[in-house]
C-alpha atoms as a PDB file:
ATOM      1  CA  MET A   1       4.972   8.132 -22.685  1.00  0.00           C
ATOM      2  CA  LYS A   2       2.533  10.731 -21.372  1.00  0.00           C
ATOM      3  CA  ILE A   3      -0.102   9.950 -18.760  1.00  0.00           C
ATOM      4  CA  LEU A   4      -2.957  12.041 -17.395  1.00  0.00           C
ATOM      5  CA  PHE A   5      -3.839  10.997 -13.843  1.00  0.00           C
ATOM      6  CA  LEU A   6      -7.187  12.336 -12.608  1.00  0.00           C
ATOM      7  CA  THR A   7      -7.133  12.769  -8.852  1.00  0.00           C
ATOM      8  CA  ASP A   8      -9.422  13.260  -5.895  1.00  0.00           C
ATOM      9  CA  PRO A   9      -8.078  15.601  -3.189  1.00  0.00           C
ATOM     10  CA  TYR A  10      -8.639  13.103  -0.346  1.00  0.00           C
ATOM     11  CA  PRO A  11      -5.740  10.709   0.415  1.00  0.00           C
ATOM     12  CA  ASN A  12      -6.219   7.248  -1.064  1.00  0.00           C
ATOM     13  CA  TYR A  13      -3.503   4.589  -0.843  1.00  0.00           C
ATOM     14  CA  ILE A  14      -3.831   2.706  -4.134  1.00  0.00           C
ATOM     15  CA  PRO A  15      -4.017   5.616  -6.601  1.00  0.00           C
ATOM     16  CA  ASP A  16      -1.537   7.672  -4.573  1.00  0.00           C
ATOM     17  CA  LEU A  17       1.019   4.851  -4.480  1.00  0.00           C
ATOM     18  CA  LEU A  18       0.529   4.112  -8.177  1.00  0.00           C
ATOM     19  CA  LEU A  19       0.979   7.792  -8.981  1.00  0.00           C
ATOM     20  CA  HIS A  20       4.177   7.800  -6.927  1.00  0.00           C
ATOM     21  CA  GLY A  21       5.592   4.844  -8.863  1.00  0.00           C
ATOM     22  CA  LEU A  22       4.641   6.317 -12.237  1.00  0.00           C
ATOM     23  CA  ARG A  23       6.160   9.661 -11.327  1.00  0.00           C
ATOM     24  CA  LYS A  24       9.389   7.965 -10.208  1.00  0.00           C
ATOM     25  CA  ILE A  25       9.641   6.210 -13.574  1.00  0.00           C
ATOM     26  CA  LEU A  26       8.326   8.827 -15.999  1.00  0.00           C
ATOM     27  CA  GLY A  27       8.814  12.077 -14.102  1.00  0.00           C
ATOM     28  CA  PRO A  28       6.755  15.124 -15.146  1.00  0.00           C
ATOM     29  CA  ALA A  29       5.309  13.210 -18.134  1.00  0.00           C
ATOM     30  CA  VAL A  30       2.803  11.903 -15.566  1.00  0.00           C
ATOM     31  CA  VAL A  31       0.428  14.799 -14.994  1.00  0.00           C
ATOM     32  CA  GLU A  32      -1.839  14.529 -11.985  1.00  0.00           C
ATOM     33  CA  TYR A  33      -4.854  16.755 -12.354  1.00  0.00           C
ATOM     34  CA  PRO A  34      -5.775  18.648 -10.321  1.00  0.00           C
ATOM     35  CA  LYS A  35      -2.547  18.883  -8.364  1.00  0.00           C
ATOM     36  CA  LYS A  36      -2.908  16.684  -5.273  1.00  0.00           C
ATOM     37  CA  ASP A  37      -1.484  18.951  -2.589  1.00  0.00           C
ATOM     38  CA  CYS A  38      -1.636  16.457   0.287  1.00  0.00           C
ATOM     39  CA  LEU A  39       0.995  14.250  -1.391  1.00  0.00           C
ATOM     40  CA  TYR A  40       3.524  17.071  -1.533  1.00  0.00           C
ATOM     41  CA  ALA A  41       2.729  17.870   2.113  1.00  0.00           C
ATOM     42  CA  GLY A  42       3.876  14.378   3.159  1.00  0.00           C
ATOM     43  CA  VAL A  43       0.550  12.560   3.552  1.00  0.00           C
ATOM     44  CA  ILE A  44       0.465   8.850   2.670  1.00  0.00           C
ATOM     45  CA  GLY A  45      -3.053   7.478   2.583  1.00  0.00           C
ATOM     46  CA  LEU A  46      -4.278   8.901   5.886  1.00  0.00           C
ATOM     47  CA  GLY A  47      -7.373  11.082   5.732  1.00  0.00           C
ATOM     48  CA  ILE A  48      -6.644  12.186   9.290  1.00  0.00           C
ATOM     49  CA  CYS A  49      -2.919  12.813   9.439  1.00  0.00           C
ATOM     50  CA  PRO A  50      -1.344  14.673  12.389  1.00  0.00           C
ATOM     51  CA  GLU A  51       2.094  16.170  11.879  1.00  0.00           C
ATOM     52  CA  ASP A  52       3.981  13.222  13.382  1.00  0.00           C
ATOM     53  CA  GLN A  53       2.430  10.891  10.779  1.00  0.00           C
ATOM     54  CA  LEU A  54       3.724  12.898   7.836  1.00  0.00           C
ATOM     55  CA  ALA A  55       6.562  11.599   5.671  1.00  0.00           C
ATOM     56  CA  PRO A  56       8.169  14.766   4.286  1.00  0.00           C
ATOM     57  CA  GLY A  57       9.746  14.290   0.874  1.00  0.00           C
ATOM     58  CA  TRP A  58       8.243  10.888   0.163  1.00  0.00           C
ATOM     59  CA  PHE A  59       6.572  12.165  -3.008  1.00  0.00           C
ATOM     60  CA  PRO A  60       8.638  13.565  -5.906  1.00  0.00           C
ATOM     61  CA  ALA A  61       8.627  17.366  -5.827  1.00  0.00           C
ATOM     62  CA  ASP A  62       6.688  19.458  -8.324  1.00  0.00           C
ATOM     63  CA  ASN A  63       9.230  22.046  -9.393  1.00  0.00           C
ATOM     64  CA  GLY A  64       7.023  23.660 -12.005  1.00  0.00           C
ATOM     65  CA  GLU A  65       7.845  21.019 -14.625  1.00  0.00           C
ATOM     66  CA  ILE A  66       4.376  19.432 -14.625  1.00  0.00           C
ATOM     67  CA  ASP A  67       2.168  21.022 -17.273  1.00  0.00           C
ATOM     68  CA  ARG A  68      -1.460  21.065 -16.135  1.00  0.00           C
ATOM     69  CA  ASP A  69      -2.596  23.640 -18.708  1.00  0.00           C
ATOM     70  CA  ASP A  70      -5.100  22.995 -21.498  1.00  0.00           C
ATOM     71  CA  ILE A  71      -5.996  19.522 -20.252  1.00  0.00           C
ATOM     72  CA  GLU A  72      -9.252  19.269 -22.222  1.00  0.00           C
ATOM     73  CA  LYS A  73      -7.563  20.400 -25.435  1.00  0.00           C
ATOM     74  CA  LYS A  74      -4.818  17.833 -24.940  1.00  0.00           C
ATOM     75  CA  ILE A  75      -7.390  15.081 -24.399  1.00  0.00           C
ATOM     76  CA  LYS A  76      -9.192  15.988 -27.636  1.00  0.00           C
ATOM     77  CA  ASN A  77      -5.889  15.956 -29.509  1.00  0.00           C
ATOM     78  CA  ASP A  78      -4.917  12.520 -28.068  1.00  0.00           C
ATOM     79  CA  PHE A  79      -1.906  14.063 -26.394  1.00  0.00           C
ATOM     80  CA  PHE A  80      -1.892  11.473 -23.575  1.00  0.00           C
ATOM     81  CA  ASP A  81      -1.035   7.823 -24.139  1.00  0.00           C
ATOM     82  CA  PHE A  82      -3.123   6.771 -21.133  1.00  0.00           C
ATOM     83  CA  ILE A  83      -5.699   8.438 -18.923  1.00  0.00           C
ATOM     84  CA  VAL A  84      -5.852   7.098 -15.373  1.00  0.00           C
ATOM     85  CA  ALA A  85      -8.680   8.009 -13.002  1.00  0.00           C
ATOM     86  CA  ASP A  86      -9.113   7.404  -9.295  1.00  0.00           C
ATOM     87  CA  VAL A  87     -12.609   5.950  -8.949  1.00  0.00           C
ATOM     88  CA  ARG A  88     -13.363   8.892  -6.644  1.00  0.00           C
ATOM     89  CA  SER A  89     -12.733  11.278  -9.538  1.00  0.00           C
ATOM     90  CA  LEU A  90     -15.426   9.882 -11.859  1.00  0.00           C
ATOM     91  CA  ALA A  91     -17.529  13.045 -11.614  1.00  0.00           C
ATOM     92  CA  ARG A  92     -14.581  15.034 -12.986  1.00  0.00           C
ATOM     93  CA  LEU A  93     -13.979  12.372 -15.623  1.00  0.00           C
ATOM     94  CA  ASN A  94     -17.599  12.558 -16.804  1.00  0.00           C
ATOM     95  CA  ASN A  95     -17.209  16.303 -17.360  1.00  0.00           C
ATOM     96  CA  LEU A  96     -14.302  15.788 -19.736  1.00  0.00           C
ATOM     97  CA  ASP A  97     -14.864  15.245 -23.428  1.00  0.00           C
ATOM     98  CA  LEU A  98     -12.868  12.066 -23.924  1.00  0.00           C
ATOM     99  CA  SER A  99     -11.809  11.021 -27.378  1.00  0.00           C
ATOM    100  CA  PRO A 100     -13.166   7.646 -28.598  1.00  0.00           C
ATOM    101  CA  ARG A 101      -9.508   6.673 -28.871  1.00  0.00           C
ATOM    102  CA  SER A 102      -8.718   7.495 -25.234  1.00  0.00           C
ATOM    103  CA  ARG A 103      -7.116   4.632 -23.353  1.00  0.00           C
ATOM    104  CA  LEU A 104      -8.762   4.872 -19.935  1.00  0.00           C
ATOM    105  CA  ALA A 105      -7.967   2.974 -16.736  1.00  0.00           C
ATOM    106  CA  ILE A 106     -10.075   3.381 -13.589  1.00  0.00           C
ATOM    107  CA  ILE A 107      -8.348   2.689 -10.264  1.00  0.00           C
ATOM    108  CA  ASP A 108     -10.631   1.188  -7.610  1.00  0.00           C
ATOM    109  CA  GLY A 109      -8.614   1.314  -4.403  1.00  0.00           C
ATOM    110  CA  GLU A 110     -11.603   1.151  -2.048  1.00  0.00           C
ATOM    111  CA  ASP A 111     -12.012  -1.241   0.883  1.00  0.00           C
ATOM    112  CA  LYS A 112     -14.961  -2.831  -0.925  1.00  0.00           C
ATOM    113  CA  PRO A 113     -15.129  -3.058  -4.740  1.00  0.00           C
ATOM    114  CA  VAL A 114     -17.102  -0.259  -6.369  1.00  0.00           C
ATOM    115  CA  ALA A 115     -19.867  -1.294  -8.769  1.00  0.00           C
ATOM    116  CA  LEU A 116     -19.003   0.076 -12.218  1.00  0.00           C
ATOM    117  CA  ARG A 117     -20.995  -0.122 -15.418  1.00  0.00           C
ATOM    118  CA  PRO A 118     -19.335  -1.957 -18.314  1.00  0.00           C
ATOM    119  CA  GLY A 119     -17.515   0.414 -20.610  1.00  0.00           C
ATOM    120  CA  ASN A 120     -14.553   0.986 -22.863  1.00  0.00           C
ATOM    121  CA  TYR A 121     -12.029   1.124 -20.048  1.00  0.00           C
ATOM    122  CA  LEU A 122      -9.879  -1.037 -17.801  1.00  0.00           C
ATOM    123  CA  VAL A 123     -10.580  -1.495 -14.105  1.00  0.00           C
ATOM    124  CA  PHE A 124      -7.625  -1.969 -11.767  1.00  0.00           C
ATOM    125  CA  ARG A 125      -8.786  -3.029  -8.301  1.00  0.00           C
ATOM    126  CA  ARG A 126      -7.266  -3.437  -4.865  1.00  0.00           C
ATOM    127  CA  GLU A 127      -9.649  -5.965  -3.282  1.00  0.00           C
ATOM    128  CA  THR A 128      -9.860  -8.723  -5.872  1.00  0.00           C
ATOM    129  CA  ASP A 129      -8.418 -12.027  -6.965  1.00  0.00           C
ATOM    130  CA  GLY A 130      -9.128 -11.132 -10.594  1.00  0.00           C
ATOM    131  CA  SER A 131     -12.195 -13.350 -10.954  1.00  0.00           C
ATOM    132  CA  ASP A 132     -14.448 -10.277 -11.326  1.00  0.00           C
ATOM    133  CA  TYR A 133     -12.673  -9.373 -14.610  1.00  0.00           C
ATOM    134  CA  SER A 134     -10.792  -6.510 -13.002  1.00  0.00           C
ATOM    135  CA  ILE A 135      -6.989  -6.374 -12.974  1.00  0.00           C
ATOM    136  CA  PRO A 136      -5.597  -6.823  -9.450  1.00  0.00           C
ATOM    137  CA  LEU A 137      -3.591  -3.834  -8.231  1.00  0.00           C
ATOM    138  CA  PRO A 138      -2.334  -4.224  -4.651  1.00  0.00           C
ATOM    139  CA  MET A 139      -0.558  -1.560  -2.648  1.00  0.00           C
ATOM    140  CA  ALA A 140       3.213  -1.256  -2.750  1.00  0.00           C
ATOM    141  CA  LEU A 141       5.875   0.526  -0.722  1.00  0.00           C
ATOM    142  CA  PRO A 142       7.644   3.754  -1.745  1.00  0.00           C
ATOM    143  CA  GLU A 143      11.404   3.330  -1.681  1.00  0.00           C
ATOM    144  CA  GLU A 144      11.589   6.429   0.548  1.00  0.00           C
ATOM    145  CA  ILE A 145       9.562   4.606   3.199  1.00  0.00           C
ATOM    146  CA  PHE A 146      11.617   1.451   2.738  1.00  0.00           C
ATOM    147  CA  ASN A 147      14.759   3.480   3.410  1.00  0.00           C
ATOM    148  CA  LEU A 148      13.161   5.171   6.428  1.00  0.00           C
ATOM    149  CA  ILE A 149      12.244   1.797   7.943  1.00  0.00           C
ATOM    150  CA  ALA A 150      15.723   0.427   7.183  1.00  0.00           C
ATOM    151  CA  SER A 151      17.283   3.399   8.976  1.00  0.00           C
ATOM    152  CA  PHE A 152      16.118   1.759  12.234  1.00  0.00           C
ATOM    153  CA  ASP A 153      17.753  -1.618  11.472  1.00  0.00           C
ATOM    154  CA  GLN A 154      20.143  -1.340  14.402  1.00  0.00           C
ATOM    155  CA  THR A 155      17.284  -1.183  16.913  1.00  0.00           C
ATOM    156  CA  GLU A 156      17.717  -3.882  19.546  1.00  0.00           C
ATOM    157  CA  LYS A 157      15.262  -6.768  19.277  1.00  0.00           C
ATOM    158  CA  ARG A 158      13.318  -6.845  22.543  1.00  0.00           C
ATOM    159  CA  TYR A 159       9.952  -8.341  21.639  1.00  0.00           C
ATOM    160  CA  SER A 160       8.792 -11.591  20.071  1.00  0.00           C
ATOM    161  CA  ILE A 161       5.745 -10.442  18.072  1.00  0.00           C
ATOM    162  CA  GLY A 162       4.610  -6.889  17.391  1.00  0.00           C
ATOM    163  CA  PHE A 163       1.284  -5.417  16.331  1.00  0.00           C
ATOM    164  CA  LEU A 164       0.633  -1.701  16.543  1.00  0.00           C
ATOM    165  CA  GLY A 165      -2.629  -0.427  15.178  1.00  0.00           C
ATOM    166  CA  SER A 166      -6.253   0.485  15.654  1.00  0.00           C
ATOM    167  CA  THR A 167      -9.166  -1.852  16.292  1.00  0.00           C
ATOM    168  CA  GLN A 168     -12.709  -1.586  15.079  1.00  0.00           C
ATOM    169  CA  ASP A 169     -15.765  -3.743  15.742  1.00  0.00           C
ATOM    170  CA  ASP A 170     -13.843  -6.834  14.722  1.00  0.00           C
ATOM    171  CA  ASN A 171     -11.994  -9.712  16.334  1.00  0.00           C
ATOM    172  CA  ARG A 172      -8.487  -8.275  16.045  1.00  0.00           C
ATOM    173  CA  LYS A 173      -8.213  -7.330  19.700  1.00  0.00           C
ATOM    174  CA  ALA A 174      -9.398 -10.732  20.888  1.00  0.00           C
ATOM    175  CA  PHE A 175      -7.027 -12.430  18.462  1.00  0.00           C
ATOM    176  CA  ILE A 176      -3.910 -10.603  19.591  1.00  0.00           C
ATOM    177  CA  GLU A 177      -4.874 -11.150  23.235  1.00  0.00           C
ATOM    178  CA  LYS A 178      -4.936 -14.876  22.514  1.00  0.00           C
ATOM    179  CA  ILE A 179      -1.473 -14.694  20.954  1.00  0.00           C
ATOM    180  CA  GLY A 180      -0.281 -12.719  23.964  1.00  0.00           C
ATOM    181  CA  GLY A 181      -1.243 -15.658  26.151  1.00  0.00           C
ATOM    182  CA  TRP A 182       1.342 -17.832  24.377  1.00  0.00           C
ATOM    183  CA  TYR A 183       4.163 -15.290  24.084  1.00  0.00           C
ATOM    184  CA  GLN A 184       4.744 -13.109  27.132  1.00  0.00           C
ATOM    185  CA  ASP A 185       7.236 -10.708  25.537  1.00  0.00           C
ATOM    186  CA  THR A 186       4.937  -9.341  22.841  1.00  0.00           C
ATOM    187  CA  LEU A 187       4.505  -5.724  21.758  1.00  0.00           C
ATOM    188  CA  PHE A 188       0.779  -5.318  21.262  1.00  0.00           C
ATOM    189  CA  SER A 189      -0.631  -1.811  21.307  1.00  0.00           C
ATOM    190  CA  THR A 190      -4.111  -1.103  19.977  1.00  0.00           C
ATOM    191  CA  THR A 191      -5.905   2.231  19.895  1.00  0.00           C
ATOM    192  CA  CYS A 192      -9.218   3.504  18.660  1.00  0.00           C
ATOM    193  CA  ILE A 193      -9.470   4.817  15.098  1.00  0.00           C
ATOM    194  CA  PRO A 194      -8.467   8.502  14.745  1.00  0.00           C
ATOM    195  CA  THR A 195     -11.280  10.949  14.154  1.00  0.00           C
ATOM    196  CA  SER A 196     -11.454  14.656  13.353  1.00  0.00           C
ATOM    197  CA  ASP A 197     -12.182  15.281  17.049  1.00  0.00           C
ATOM    198  CA  ASN A 198      -9.348  13.027  18.205  1.00  0.00           C
ATOM    199  CA  ASN A 199      -6.689  12.831  15.510  1.00  0.00           C
ATOM    200  CA  LYS A 200      -4.118  11.215  17.800  1.00  0.00           C
ATOM    201  CA  PRO A 201      -5.706   8.662  20.145  1.00  0.00           C
ATOM    202  CA  THR A 202      -3.811   7.834  23.323  1.00  0.00           C
ATOM    203  CA  GLY A 203      -1.111   5.258  22.611  1.00  0.00           C
ATOM    204  CA  ARG A 204      -0.824   5.950  18.878  1.00  0.00           C
ATOM    205  CA  TYR A 205       2.789   6.299  17.713  1.00  0.00           C
ATOM    206  CA  GLY A 206       4.174   8.845  15.289  1.00  0.00           C
ATOM    207  CA  ARG A 207       5.605   7.422  12.052  1.00  0.00           C
ATOM    208  CA  ASN A 208       9.262   7.288  13.108  1.00  0.00           C
ATOM    209  CA  ASP A 209       8.513   5.846  16.549  1.00  0.00           C
ATOM    210  CA  TYR A 210       6.148   3.341  14.943  1.00  0.00           C
ATOM    211  CA  TYR A 211       8.867   2.019  12.661  1.00  0.00           C
ATOM    212  CA  LYS A 212      11.425   1.974  15.439  1.00  0.00           C
ATOM    213  CA  MET A 213       9.096  -0.069  17.662  1.00  0.00           C
ATOM    214  CA  LEU A 214       8.373  -2.549  14.863  1.00  0.00           C
ATOM    215  CA  GLN A 215      12.112  -2.935  14.314  1.00  0.00           C
ATOM    216  CA  SER A 216      12.423  -4.058  17.932  1.00  0.00           C
ATOM    217  CA  CYS A 217      10.339  -7.184  17.157  1.00  0.00           C
ATOM    218  CA  TYR A 218      11.485 -10.566  15.839  1.00  0.00           C
ATOM    219  CA  PHE A 219       8.091 -11.053  14.183  1.00  0.00           C
ATOM    220  CA  THR A 220       5.508  -8.544  12.959  1.00  0.00           C
ATOM    221  CA  LEU A 221       1.826  -9.404  12.685  1.00  0.00           C
ATOM    222  CA  SER A 222      -0.476  -8.386   9.825  1.00  0.00           C
ATOM    223  CA  LEU A 223      -4.241  -8.677  10.146  1.00  0.00           C
ATOM    224  CA  PRO A 224      -6.951  -7.438   7.751  1.00  0.00           C
ATOM    225  CA  GLY A 225      -8.372  -3.982   8.316  1.00  0.00           C
ATOM    226  CA  ALA A 226     -11.371  -2.540   6.516  1.00  0.00           C
ATOM    227  CA  GLY A 227      -9.949  -4.414   3.511  1.00  0.00           C
ATOM    228  CA  TYR A 228      -7.492  -7.287   3.219  1.00  0.00           C
ATOM    229  CA  ASP A 229      -4.749  -5.311   1.496  1.00  0.00           C
ATOM    230  CA  THR A 230      -3.330  -2.942   4.103  1.00  0.00           C
ATOM    231  CA  PHE A 231      -0.368  -0.584   4.044  1.00  0.00           C
ATOM    232  CA  ARG A 232       0.725  -2.298   7.266  1.00  0.00           C
ATOM    233  CA  PHE A 233       1.430  -5.473   5.277  1.00  0.00           C
ATOM    234  CA  TRP A 234       3.928  -3.691   3.048  1.00  0.00           C
ATOM    235  CA  GLU A 235       5.520  -1.786   5.934  1.00  0.00           C
ATOM    236  CA  ASN A 236       5.938  -5.047   7.857  1.00  0.00           C
ATOM    237  CA  SER A 237       7.616  -6.601   4.822  1.00  0.00           C
ATOM    238  CA  ALA A 238      10.299  -3.908   5.026  1.00  0.00           C
ATOM    239  CA  VAL A 239      10.992  -4.474   8.724  1.00  0.00           C
ATOM    240  CA  ASN A 240      14.145  -6.454   9.512  1.00  0.00           C
ATOM    241  CA  GLY A 241      12.082  -9.300  10.946  1.00  0.00           C
ATOM    242  CA  VAL A 242       9.704 -12.051   9.836  1.00  0.00           C
ATOM    243  CA  GLN A 243       6.145 -11.133   8.970  1.00  0.00           C
ATOM    244  CA  ILE A 244       3.272 -13.406   9.988  1.00  0.00           C
ATOM    245  CA  CYS A 245       0.105 -12.641   8.076  1.00  0.00           C
ATOM    246  CA  GLN A 246      -3.449 -13.886   7.982  1.00  0.00           C
ATOM    247  CA  GLU A 247      -4.214 -15.470   4.621  1.00  0.00           C
ATOM    248  CA  MET A 248      -5.666 -13.026   2.077  1.00  0.00           C
ATOM    249  CA  PRO A 249      -8.082 -14.015  -0.734  1.00  0.00           C
ATOM    250  CA  LEU A 250      -6.382 -11.580  -3.128  1.00  0.00           C
ATOM    251  CA  TYR A 251      -4.140 -11.849  -6.157  1.00  0.00           C
ATOM    252  CA  ILE A 252      -0.698 -10.357  -5.617  1.00  0.00           C
ATOM    253  CA  PRO A 253       1.805 -10.455  -8.483  1.00  0.00           C
ATOM    254  CA  HIS A 254       5.035 -12.185  -7.430  1.00  0.00           C
ATOM    255  CA  PRO A 255       3.432 -13.404  -4.178  1.00  0.00           C
ATOM    256  CA  PHE A 256       5.343 -13.938  -0.958  1.00  0.00           C
ATOM    257  CA  ARG A 257       5.883 -17.666  -0.423  1.00  0.00           C
ATOM    258  CA  ASP A 258       4.805 -19.246   2.838  1.00  0.00           C
ATOM    259  CA  GLY A 259       7.798 -20.448   4.811  1.00  0.00           C
ATOM    260  CA  GLU A 260      10.245 -18.798   2.407  1.00  0.00           C
ATOM    261  CA  GLU A 261       9.565 -15.056   2.674  1.00  0.00           C
ATOM    262  CA  ILE A 262       6.631 -14.912   5.093  1.00  0.00           C
ATOM    263  CA  LEU A 263       4.501 -17.031   7.417  1.00  0.00           C
ATOM    264  CA  PHE A 264       0.818 -17.274   6.469  1.00  0.00           C
ATOM    265  CA  PHE A 265      -1.797 -18.596   8.891  1.00  0.00           C
ATOM    266  CA  ASP A 266      -5.512 -19.302   8.915  1.00  0.00           C
ATOM    267  CA  THR A 267      -6.006 -19.804  12.643  1.00  0.00           C
ATOM    268  CA  ALA A 268      -4.221 -18.692  15.808  1.00  0.00           C
ATOM    269  CA  GLU A 269      -3.125 -22.285  16.355  1.00  0.00           C
ATOM    270  CA  THR A 270      -1.442 -22.361  12.938  1.00  0.00           C
ATOM    271  CA  LEU A 271       0.368 -19.131  13.773  1.00  0.00           C
ATOM    272  CA  HIS A 272       1.537 -20.639  17.066  1.00  0.00           C
ATOM    273  CA  ARG A 273       2.874 -23.769  15.369  1.00  0.00           C
ATOM    274  CA  LYS A 274       4.707 -21.935  12.570  1.00  0.00           C
ATOM    275  CA  VAL A 275       6.288 -19.337  14.852  1.00  0.00           C
ATOM    276  CA  ASP A 276       7.518 -22.003  17.261  1.00  0.00           C
ATOM    277  CA  ALA A 277       8.992 -24.038  14.410  1.00  0.00           C
ATOM    278  CA  LEU A 278      10.899 -21.036  13.081  1.00  0.00           C
ATOM    279  CA  LEU A 279      12.099 -20.055  16.548  1.00  0.00           C
ATOM    280  CA  ASN A 280      13.669 -23.518  16.853  1.00  0.00           C
ATOM    281  CA  SER A 281      15.856 -22.913  13.809  1.00  0.00           C
ATOM    282  CA  ASN A 282      17.991 -19.779  13.868  1.00  0.00           C
ATOM    283  CA  ASP A 283      19.339 -20.381  10.360  1.00  0.00           C
ATOM    284  CA  ARG A 284      15.848 -20.721   8.932  1.00  0.00           C
ATOM    285  CA  TYR A 285      14.591 -17.662  10.783  1.00  0.00           C
ATOM    286  CA  PHE A 286      17.359 -15.436   9.424  1.00  0.00           C
ATOM    287  CA  ALA A 287      16.901 -16.840   5.908  1.00  0.00           C
ATOM    288  CA  VAL A 288      13.170 -16.013   5.878  1.00  0.00           C
ATOM    289  CA  ARG A 289      13.918 -12.573   7.297  1.00  0.00           C
ATOM    290  CA  GLN A 290      16.433 -11.785   4.575  1.00  0.00           C
ATOM    291  CA  ASN A 291      14.287 -13.300   1.803  1.00  0.00           C
ATOM    292  CA  SER A 292      11.290 -11.186   2.770  1.00  0.00           C
ATOM    293  CA  ARG A 293      13.125  -7.930   2.414  1.00  0.00           C
ATOM    294  CA  GLU A 294      14.799  -8.846  -0.844  1.00  0.00           C
ATOM    295  CA  HIS A 295      11.494 -10.005  -2.306  1.00  0.00           C
ATOM    296  CA  LEU A 296       9.890  -6.715  -1.355  1.00  0.00           C
ATOM    297  CA  ARG A 297      12.760  -4.679  -2.752  1.00  0.00           C
ATOM    298  CA  THR A 298      12.724  -6.594  -6.041  1.00  0.00           C
ATOM    299  CA  HIS A 299       9.000  -6.902  -6.724  1.00  0.00           C
ATOM    300  CA  HIS A 300       6.918  -4.642  -4.509  1.00  0.00           C
ATOM    301  CA  LEU A 301       8.257  -1.123  -4.404  1.00  0.00           C
ATOM    302  CA  THR A 302       6.025   1.399  -6.152  1.00  0.00           C
ATOM    303  CA  GLN A 303       8.217   1.529  -9.264  1.00  0.00           C
ATOM    304  CA  ALA A 304       7.713  -2.208  -9.773  1.00  0.00           C
ATOM    305  CA  ARG A 305       3.974  -1.825  -9.254  1.00  0.00           C
ATOM    306  CA  ALA A 306       3.879   1.002 -11.799  1.00  0.00           C
ATOM    307  CA  LEU A 307       5.703  -1.160 -14.356  1.00  0.00           C
ATOM    308  CA  TYR A 308       3.209  -3.959 -13.700  1.00  0.00           C
ATOM    309  CA  PHE A 309       0.386  -1.466 -14.282  1.00  0.00           C
ATOM    310  CA  LEU A 310       1.927  -0.247 -17.538  1.00  0.00           C
ATOM    311  CA  ASP A 311       2.504  -3.798 -18.792  1.00  0.00           C
ATOM    312  CA  LYS A 312      -1.136  -4.730 -18.135  1.00  0.00           C
ATOM    313  CA  ALA A 313      -2.440  -1.526 -19.727  1.00  0.00           C
ATOM    314  CA  ARG A 314      -0.258  -1.897 -22.810  1.00  0.00           C
ATOM    315  CA  ALA A 315      -1.315  -5.508 -23.269  1.00  0.00           C
ATOM    316  CA  ALA A 316      -5.028  -4.729 -22.879  1.00  0.00           C
ATOM    317  CA  PHE A 317      -4.921  -1.823 -25.329  1.00  0.00           C
ATOM    318  CA  ALA A 318      -2.390  -3.531 -27.635  1.00  0.00           C
ATOM    319  CA  TYR A 319      -0.328  -0.380 -27.330  1.00  0.00           C
END
């Protein structure tokens, strides 16, 4: 199978993670065009990415095996089985002379769904439950990042609940302060959002230190960001702890089950009740902790998400 993947140079979690999974499965038969240099430099999703946030080697190397020549000629000759386009690359897509037989999938990984005109293409979308006729495509975790997080498994547990992240004009800071009133041994560290003038706000951890600190927590907390589906959710699922997560109105294939692989909550009071119940049962706590990781490893690494994408695309195009 041969896939053309039209890219935008700016980091973007959903298309970048999908591209990673496809490349892991199909190798150089997945041609990203133009070459997305930030991926090979170690950037994962962050538009502002200081050196200590890089993940060197997370993306499969381009050793000259990826053929980006004569793209337009190949499109006209139906060389590619599928054409995939980041929604940010639509201007480039419109300049290509697609064949009427082209099987096109547009990837909308934005915080808010992008309005798209009806057309002869599939729409895969991050922020959806599928009721808008798009195909849900949540984030996933690269196995390289899973292994990096697991490398800190022996970190001593010193905190009850951990949340490390930035806050905007939302209620996240007030929420975690409320939780901190119930549990005195929490690890809550919030910073402002990085900007080009301040790419590393005071208190913001580098990637390795961030994972090590999360591994020191019995529970990790996931809250929505600019969208509901956050990379934090998938990182927290890889931590050797139990994730507690605010309910998300999204469709996720092979969802995490409440009380089995995760704790979902709608209010702070629900979180309080569920955490206390799990803390009163060591056997149950360790079972949920183990189940979470195995569920992630089985269903939600980027290779699994790429296979899900391919299955949906094949079914839609009867290919």
